[in-house]
């Protein structure tokens, strides 16, 4: 899925940072009493603390010998030590994960396959109690197989095509990434400098300039299958907004331009809008979902449209919603250590 010889080029430090900040939680300064960082507890097989460390404040005294198997206790420790989360590592957990990974890796596995093997081994460590985390935000997110990820990639970035994500500050390009898939793998990742070298000076209107960028990438890299263009602040906020209908509204109002727009994008946006309408109908009718009778019909229609792939149904969860919930809650400033797990109950919509 990702070539071992992938070429990454065309980024300067500033624009690379702008790209990364879209998808990772913002770093905050440590303030007195703020809930930041992770409290890491290394415990014996009997569940007694052997060592405690706060990732922002260093070693923590006074916890050695205490038991910490109760989730309610972990929430209290997070509040007491001003930690955003608490990670409990039983003795032997790292060895358990390492052995599981070593047994499952195969010669020739690409980077994504290797990462999924590691994620699955870590998930099993949580399931067996070798690791514990409070809150555990992705407990409800299933771990896809490499074949599932490949099918999702086929929908988003088919063989021999390119995809673009670009953001603007006003009408100036803030950052950009263009990916090419060749021979089943992503083999080139290009940044703004390379693409601007092809495109030349932009016209000063981002809602028109995106067409010029798309044409030049198609000419020099590969035909563009998907392009996402927006103001940097708008896309940054949207990636942290899990509310139903947020993406559909942004595209309808042209705060986000999706061009080219593959068929599955229209299906996903339609499902997003329907979910938002269902939520609003429940609010207006005091819990009665007026659109509920349409759900079986909508799913029947979707099942008949074989040419439109659903990334959510392929992976078993909505990746954009999972990302939004994680970013939103990670960047929040909770007043205590309490933070409920991500609720992906609505991620089973046909998107």
Protein backbone atom coordinates (compact mmCIF):
# COMPACT_ATOMS: atom_id res chain seq x y z
CA UNK A 1 0.00 0.00 0.00
CA UNK A 2 2.95 2.32 0.73
CA UNK A 3 6.03 1.71 -1.38
CA UNK A 4 9.30 1.07 0.40
CA UNK A 5 10.84 3.50 -2.08
CA UNK A 6 8.20 6.20 -1.65
CA UNK A 7 9.45 9.66 -2.66
CA UNK A 8 8.55 12.57 -0.38
CA UNK A 9 9.45 15.94 -1.88
CA UNK A 10 8.37 19.53 -2.28
CA UNK A 11 7.87 20.54 1.37
CA UNK A 12 9.54 23.25 3.37
CA UNK A 13 9.42 23.15 7.17
CA UNK A 14 6.59 25.68 7.49
CA UNK A 15 4.22 24.04 5.04
CA UNK A 16 5.00 20.56 6.34
CA UNK A 17 4.07 21.78 9.82
CA UNK A 18 0.84 23.28 8.48
CA UNK A 19 -0.05 19.93 6.91
CA UNK A 20 0.70 17.91 10.05
CA UNK A 21 -1.29 20.26 12.30
CA UNK A 22 -4.46 19.41 10.37
CA UNK A 23 -4.38 15.80 11.52
CA UNK A 24 -2.67 15.75 14.93
CA UNK A 25 -3.74 17.31 18.24
CA UNK A 26 -2.37 20.75 18.99
CA UNK A 27 0.34 20.93 21.63
CA UNK A 28 -0.54 23.07 24.62
CA UNK A 29 1.62 24.74 27.20
CA UNK A 30 1.58 23.11 30.61
CA UNK A 31 -0.47 25.20 33.01
CA UNK A 32 -0.92 24.74 36.73
CA UNK A 33 -3.88 22.46 37.33
CA UNK A 34 -4.40 21.65 33.64
CA UNK A 35 -5.15 18.06 32.62
CA UNK A 36 -2.32 17.33 30.20
CA UNK A 37 -0.08 14.39 29.39
CA UNK A 38 -0.33 10.77 30.47
CA UNK A 39 0.13 9.15 33.87
CA UNK A 40 1.98 5.88 33.18
CA UNK A 41 1.76 3.16 35.83
CA UNK A 42 3.96 0.07 35.64
CA UNK A 43 2.32 -2.66 37.73
CA UNK A 44 3.18 -6.17 38.85
CA UNK A 45 1.18 -9.25 37.87
CA UNK A 46 -0.76 -8.79 41.11
CA UNK A 47 -1.79 -5.29 40.03
CA UNK A 48 0.36 -3.28 42.46
CA UNK A 49 2.16 -0.17 41.19
CA UNK A 50 5.92 -0.55 40.87
CA UNK A 51 6.63 2.78 39.19
CA UNK A 52 4.64 5.88 38.25
CA UNK A 53 5.59 8.53 35.70
CA UNK A 54 3.78 11.60 34.37
CA UNK A 55 4.85 12.40 30.81
CA UNK A 56 4.70 16.15 31.49
CA UNK A 57 5.86 16.29 35.10
CA UNK A 58 8.21 13.36 35.59
CA UNK A 59 8.28 10.73 38.34
CA UNK A 60 5.26 10.55 40.65
CA UNK A 61 5.77 9.62 44.29
CA UNK A 62 3.27 8.02 46.62
CA UNK A 63 1.69 5.48 44.28
CA UNK A 64 4.12 2.59 44.72
CA UNK A 65 2.39 -0.47 46.16
CA UNK A 66 -1.15 0.74 45.45
CA UNK A 67 -3.60 -1.36 43.44
CA UNK A 68 -5.03 0.26 40.31
CA UNK A 69 -7.21 -2.30 38.55
CA UNK A 70 -10.52 -0.48 39.07
CA UNK A 71 -11.45 1.87 36.15
CA UNK A 72 -13.09 4.26 38.63
CA UNK A 73 -9.77 4.44 40.46
CA UNK A 74 -7.98 5.33 37.22
CA UNK A 75 -10.38 8.22 36.66
CA UNK A 76 -9.62 9.47 40.17
CA UNK A 77 -5.87 9.19 39.59
CA UNK A 78 -6.22 11.22 36.38
CA UNK A 79 -7.99 14.00 38.30
CA UNK A 80 -5.59 13.90 41.22
CA UNK A 81 -2.46 14.07 39.06
CA UNK A 82 -3.87 16.42 36.39
CA UNK A 83 -3.40 13.86 33.60
CA UNK A 84 -5.46 13.71 30.43
CA UNK A 85 -5.25 9.89 30.53
CA UNK A 86 -3.84 7.02 32.58
CA UNK A 87 -1.95 4.11 31.01
CA UNK A 88 -1.41 0.94 33.04
CA UNK A 89 1.32 -1.43 31.82
CA UNK A 90 1.59 -4.85 33.44
CA UNK A 91 5.01 -6.48 33.70
CA UNK A 92 5.57 -8.58 30.60
CA UNK A 93 3.12 -6.63 28.45
CA UNK A 94 5.78 -5.29 26.08
CA UNK A 95 7.24 -8.78 25.64
CA UNK A 96 3.74 -10.14 24.95
CA UNK A 97 3.19 -7.55 22.23
CA UNK A 98 6.62 -8.16 20.74
CA UNK A 99 6.10 -11.93 20.54
CA UNK A 100 2.66 -11.51 18.94
CA UNK A 101 4.09 -9.15 16.31
CA UNK A 102 7.07 -11.40 15.57
CA UNK A 103 4.81 -14.42 14.99
CA UNK A 104 2.53 -12.57 12.55
CA UNK A 105 4.92 -10.53 10.45
CA UNK A 106 5.77 -11.96 7.05
CA UNK A 107 8.60 -11.20 4.72
CA UNK A 108 7.39 -8.68 2.17
CA UNK A 109 4.72 -7.06 4.39
CA UNK A 110 4.42 -3.36 3.56
CA UNK A 111 4.38 -0.58 6.15
CA UNK A 112 0.59 -0.54 6.49
CA UNK A 113 0.41 -4.32 6.98
CA UNK A 114 3.15 -4.12 9.61
CA UNK A 115 1.34 -1.29 11.39
CA UNK A 116 -1.93 -3.26 11.45
CA UNK A 117 -0.15 -6.28 12.94
CA UNK A 118 1.19 -4.05 15.70
CA UNK A 119 -2.19 -2.41 16.32
CA UNK A 120 -3.90 -5.81 16.54
CA UNK A 121 -1.28 -7.06 19.02
CA UNK A 122 -1.77 -3.96 21.18
CA UNK A 123 -5.56 -4.40 21.04
CA UNK A 124 -5.17 -7.98 22.28
CA UNK A 125 -2.98 -6.73 25.13
CA UNK A 126 -5.83 -4.44 26.18
CA UNK A 127 -8.34 -7.27 25.88
CA UNK A 128 -6.26 -9.58 28.08
CA UNK A 129 -5.58 -6.89 30.71
CA UNK A 130 -1.86 -6.59 29.98
CA UNK A 131 -2.55 -2.94 29.16
CA UNK A 132 -5.26 -0.61 30.41
CA UNK A 133 -6.05 2.95 29.40
CA UNK A 134 -8.47 5.49 30.80
CA UNK A 135 -10.13 6.89 28.82
CA UNK A 136 -9.73 4.38 26.00
CA UNK A 137 -10.97 6.41 23.05
CA UNK A 138 -10.73 3.83 20.29
CA UNK A 139 -12.10 0.81 22.14
CA UNK A 140 -15.17 0.77 19.87
CA UNK A 141 -13.15 1.09 16.65
CA UNK A 142 -12.53 -2.30 15.00
CA UNK A 143 -9.07 -3.06 13.64
CA UNK A 144 -9.40 -3.62 9.88
CA UNK A 145 -7.42 -6.22 8.00
CA UNK A 146 -4.88 -5.31 5.35
CA UNK A 147 -7.36 -6.50 2.69
CA UNK A 148 -10.05 -4.17 4.08
CA UNK A 149 -7.67 -1.21 4.02
CA UNK A 150 -6.70 -2.11 0.45
CA UNK A 151 -10.37 -2.12 -0.64
CA UNK A 152 -10.91 1.25 1.02
CA UNK A 153 -7.79 2.58 -0.73
CA UNK A 154 -9.14 1.29 -4.04
CA UNK A 155 -12.17 3.55 -3.52
CA UNK A 156 -10.24 6.62 -2.41
CA UNK A 157 -7.18 6.29 -4.65
CA UNK A 158 -7.52 3.78 -7.51
CA UNK A 159 -4.51 2.41 -9.35
CA UNK A 160 -2.77 4.95 -11.56
CA UNK A 161 -4.48 7.99 -10.04
CA UNK A 162 -3.65 10.88 -7.72
CA UNK A 163 -5.38 12.60 -4.81
CA UNK A 164 -4.87 16.16 -3.56
CA UNK A 165 -5.58 17.94 -0.28
CA UNK A 166 -4.82 21.67 -0.36
CA UNK A 167 -5.59 24.50 2.05
CA UNK A 168 -5.37 28.26 1.68
CA UNK A 169 -4.89 31.28 3.90
CA UNK A 170 -7.10 33.75 2.11
CA UNK A 171 -6.09 33.21 -1.50
CA UNK A 172 -2.51 32.12 -0.76
CA UNK A 173 -1.65 28.44 -0.64
CA UNK A 174 -1.10 27.37 2.98
CA UNK A 175 -0.13 23.76 2.36
CA UNK A 176 -0.75 20.92 -0.06
CA UNK A 177 -0.12 17.22 -0.42
CA UNK A 178 -0.54 15.18 -3.60
CA UNK A 179 -0.37 11.38 -3.51
CA UNK A 180 0.12 9.02 -6.45
CA UNK A 181 -0.73 5.32 -6.47
CA UNK A 182 1.29 3.23 -8.89
CA UNK A 183 1.47 -0.57 -9.13
CA UNK A 184 -0.76 -0.92 -6.09
CA UNK A 185 1.36 1.29 -3.85
CA UNK A 186 1.61 4.97 -2.94
CA UNK A 187 4.97 5.78 -4.47
CA UNK A 188 5.06 9.60 -4.51
CA UNK A 189 4.05 12.18 -1.90
CA UNK A 190 4.48 15.71 -3.20
CA UNK A 191 4.25 19.02 -1.39
CA UNK A 192 3.45 22.61 -2.39
CA UNK A 193 6.87 23.53 -3.74
CA UNK A 194 6.83 20.82 -6.40
CA UNK A 195 3.20 21.42 -7.39
CA UNK A 196 3.67 25.21 -7.53
CA UNK A 197 6.67 24.62 -9.76
CA UNK A 198 4.30 22.99 -12.22
CA UNK A 199 1.43 25.43 -11.71
CA UNK A 200 3.35 28.71 -11.63
CA UNK A 201 1.83 31.79 -9.95
CA UNK A 202 -1.77 31.32 -8.84
CA UNK A 203 -4.54 33.68 -9.83
CA UNK A 204 -5.51 34.88 -6.35
CA UNK A 205 -8.93 33.20 -6.02
CA UNK A 206 -8.68 29.79 -4.38
CA UNK A 207 -12.10 28.67 -5.68
CA UNK A 208 -10.75 29.04 -9.22
CA UNK A 209 -7.09 28.21 -8.55
CA UNK A 210 -7.98 24.69 -7.43
CA UNK A 211 -8.86 23.82 -11.04
CA UNK A 212 -5.45 24.99 -12.25
CA UNK A 213 -3.72 22.94 -9.53
CA UNK A 214 -5.77 19.85 -10.42
CA UNK A 215 -4.92 20.20 -14.12
CA UNK A 216 -1.19 20.55 -13.49
CA UNK A 217 -1.06 17.55 -11.12
CA UNK A 218 -2.99 15.51 -13.70
CA UNK A 219 -0.51 16.60 -16.39
CA UNK A 220 2.71 15.92 -14.47
CA UNK A 221 1.81 13.21 -11.90
CA UNK A 222 -1.37 11.21 -12.64
CA UNK A 223 -5.08 11.77 -13.35
CA UNK A 224 -6.64 13.24 -10.22
CA UNK A 225 -9.37 11.02 -8.72
CA UNK A 226 -10.10 13.15 -5.64
CA UNK A 227 -9.29 16.73 -4.73
CA UNK A 228 -10.18 18.48 -1.47
CA UNK A 229 -9.67 22.26 -1.23
CA UNK A 230 -10.57 24.61 1.64
CA UNK A 231 -9.43 27.48 3.80
CA UNK A 232 -6.90 26.11 6.27
CA UNK A 233 -8.85 27.22 9.35
CA UNK A 234 -12.09 25.78 7.93
CA UNK A 235 -10.63 22.34 7.24
CA UNK A 236 -8.82 22.35 10.59
CA UNK A 237 -12.13 22.96 12.37
CA UNK A 238 -14.07 20.51 10.21
CA UNK A 239 -11.66 17.66 10.94
CA UNK A 240 -12.48 18.22 14.63
CA UNK A 241 -16.25 18.44 14.20
CA UNK A 242 -18.04 15.06 14.63
CA UNK A 243 -21.52 16.60 14.35
CA UNK A 244 -23.80 14.94 11.76
CA UNK A 245 -24.12 17.06 8.64
CA UNK A 246 -20.93 19.07 9.19
CA UNK A 247 -19.23 17.85 5.99
CA UNK A 248 -22.42 18.03 3.93
CA UNK A 249 -22.99 21.63 5.00
CA UNK A 250 -19.38 22.64 4.35
CA UNK A 251 -19.50 21.24 0.81
CA UNK A 252 -22.97 22.69 0.09
CA UNK A 253 -21.82 26.17 1.15
CA UNK A 254 -18.51 25.76 -0.73
CA UNK A 255 -16.43 26.20 2.40
CA UNK A 256 -14.91 22.95 1.14
CA UNK A 257 -14.56 22.23 -2.57
CA UNK A 258 -14.36 18.55 -3.54
CA UNK A 259 -13.28 18.40 -7.17
CA UNK A 260 -12.94 15.90 -8.74
CA UNK A 261 -15.64 14.23 -6.65
CA UNK A 262 -15.92 10.43 -7.04
CA UNK A 263 -19.40 8.86 -6.73
CA UNK A 264 -18.78 7.56 -3.20
CA UNK A 265 -18.24 11.14 -1.98
CA UNK A 266 -21.75 12.13 -3.05
CA UNK A 267 -23.14 9.03 -1.31
CA UNK A 268 -21.21 9.81 1.88
CA UNK A 269 -22.34 13.45 1.89
CA UNK A 270 -25.94 12.40 1.32
CA UNK A 271 -25.77 9.96 4.23
CA UNK A 272 -24.21 12.69 6.38
CA UNK A 273 -27.04 15.08 5.52
CA UNK A 274 -29.68 12.41 6.21
CA UNK A 275 -28.13 11.63 9.60
CA UNK A 276 -28.19 15.35 10.46
CA UNK A 277 -31.84 15.57 9.43
CA UNK A 278 -32.65 12.56 11.58
CA UNK A 279 -30.98 14.15 14.60
CA UNK A 280 -32.89 17.40 14.08
CA UNK A 281 -36.19 15.55 13.65
CA UNK A 282 -35.64 13.75 16.95
CA UNK A 283 -34.93 17.07 18.65
CA UNK A 284 -38.04 18.74 17.18
CA UNK A 285 -40.32 15.78 17.83
CA UNK A 286 -38.96 15.03 21.32
CA UNK A 287 -37.16 11.83 20.53
CA UNK A 288 -39.32 10.54 17.67
CA UNK A 289 -37.23 9.92 14.55
CA UNK A 290 -39.47 10.90 11.66
CA UNK A 291 -36.93 9.57 9.13
CA UNK A 292 -36.56 6.14 10.72
CA UNK A 293 -38.94 4.47 8.21
CA UNK A 294 -36.62 5.60 5.40
CA UNK A 295 -33.52 3.90 6.78
CA UNK A 296 -34.28 0.36 5.52
CA UNK A 297 -35.14 1.80 2.10
CA UNK A 298 -31.92 3.82 2.00
CA UNK A 299 -29.87 0.74 2.84
CA UNK A 300 -31.68 -1.30 0.20
CA UNK A 301 -30.90 1.34 -2.43
CA UNK A 302 -27.25 1.45 -1.34
CA UNK A 303 -26.98 -2.34 -1.57
CA UNK A 304 -28.04 -2.14 -5.24
CA UNK A 305 -25.38 0.39 -6.23
CA UNK A 306 -22.44 -1.96 -6.53
CA UNK A 307 -20.19 0.51 -8.34
CA UNK A 308 -20.17 2.90 -5.38
CA UNK A 309 -17.79 1.73 -2.67
CA UNK A 310 -18.38 2.74 0.93
CA UNK A 311 -15.20 3.38 2.89
CA UNK A 312 -17.10 3.18 6.18
CA UNK A 313 -18.74 -0.16 5.42
CA UNK A 314 -15.43 -1.53 4.14
CA UNK A 315 -13.45 -0.59 7.25
CA UNK A 316 -16.28 -1.17 9.73
CA UNK A 317 -16.11 2.39 11.10
CA UNK A 318 -16.21 5.97 9.88
CA UNK A 319 -12.56 7.10 9.82
CA UNK A 320 -13.36 10.83 9.55
CA UNK A 321 -15.75 10.70 12.50
CA UNK A 322 -13.30 8.70 14.60
CA UNK A 323 -10.57 11.24 13.79
CA UNK A 324 -12.87 14.17 14.62
CA UNK A 325 -13.91 12.72 17.98
CA UNK A 326 -10.31 11.98 18.92
CA UNK A 327 -8.99 15.41 17.89
CA UNK A 328 -11.90 17.24 19.51
CA UNK A 329 -11.51 15.50 22.86
CA UNK A 330 -7.72 15.43 22.87
CA UNK A 331 -7.50 19.17 22.28
CA UNK A 332 -10.22 20.00 24.83
CA UNK A 333 -9.26 21.30 28.26
CA UNK A 334 -11.16 18.95 30.55
CA UNK A 335 -11.74 20.15 34.08
CA UNK A 336 -11.14 16.64 35.37
CA UNK A 337 -9.69 13.35 34.19
CA UNK A 338 -13.11 12.13 33.09
CA UNK A 339 -13.48 11.70 29.35
CA UNK A 340 -15.90 9.12 27.94
CA UNK A 341 -14.81 6.69 25.26
CA UNK A 342 -15.53 7.61 21.67
CA UNK A 343 -19.14 6.82 20.79
CA UNK A 344 -19.19 5.50 17.24
CA UNK A 345 -22.75 4.23 17.50
CA UNK A 346 -23.82 6.30 14.50
CA UNK A 347 -20.86 5.21 12.42
CA UNK A 348 -22.82 2.26 11.07
CA UNK A 349 -24.77 4.52 8.73
CA UNK A 350 -24.37 3.59 5.08
CA UNK A 351 -21.71 6.00 4.05
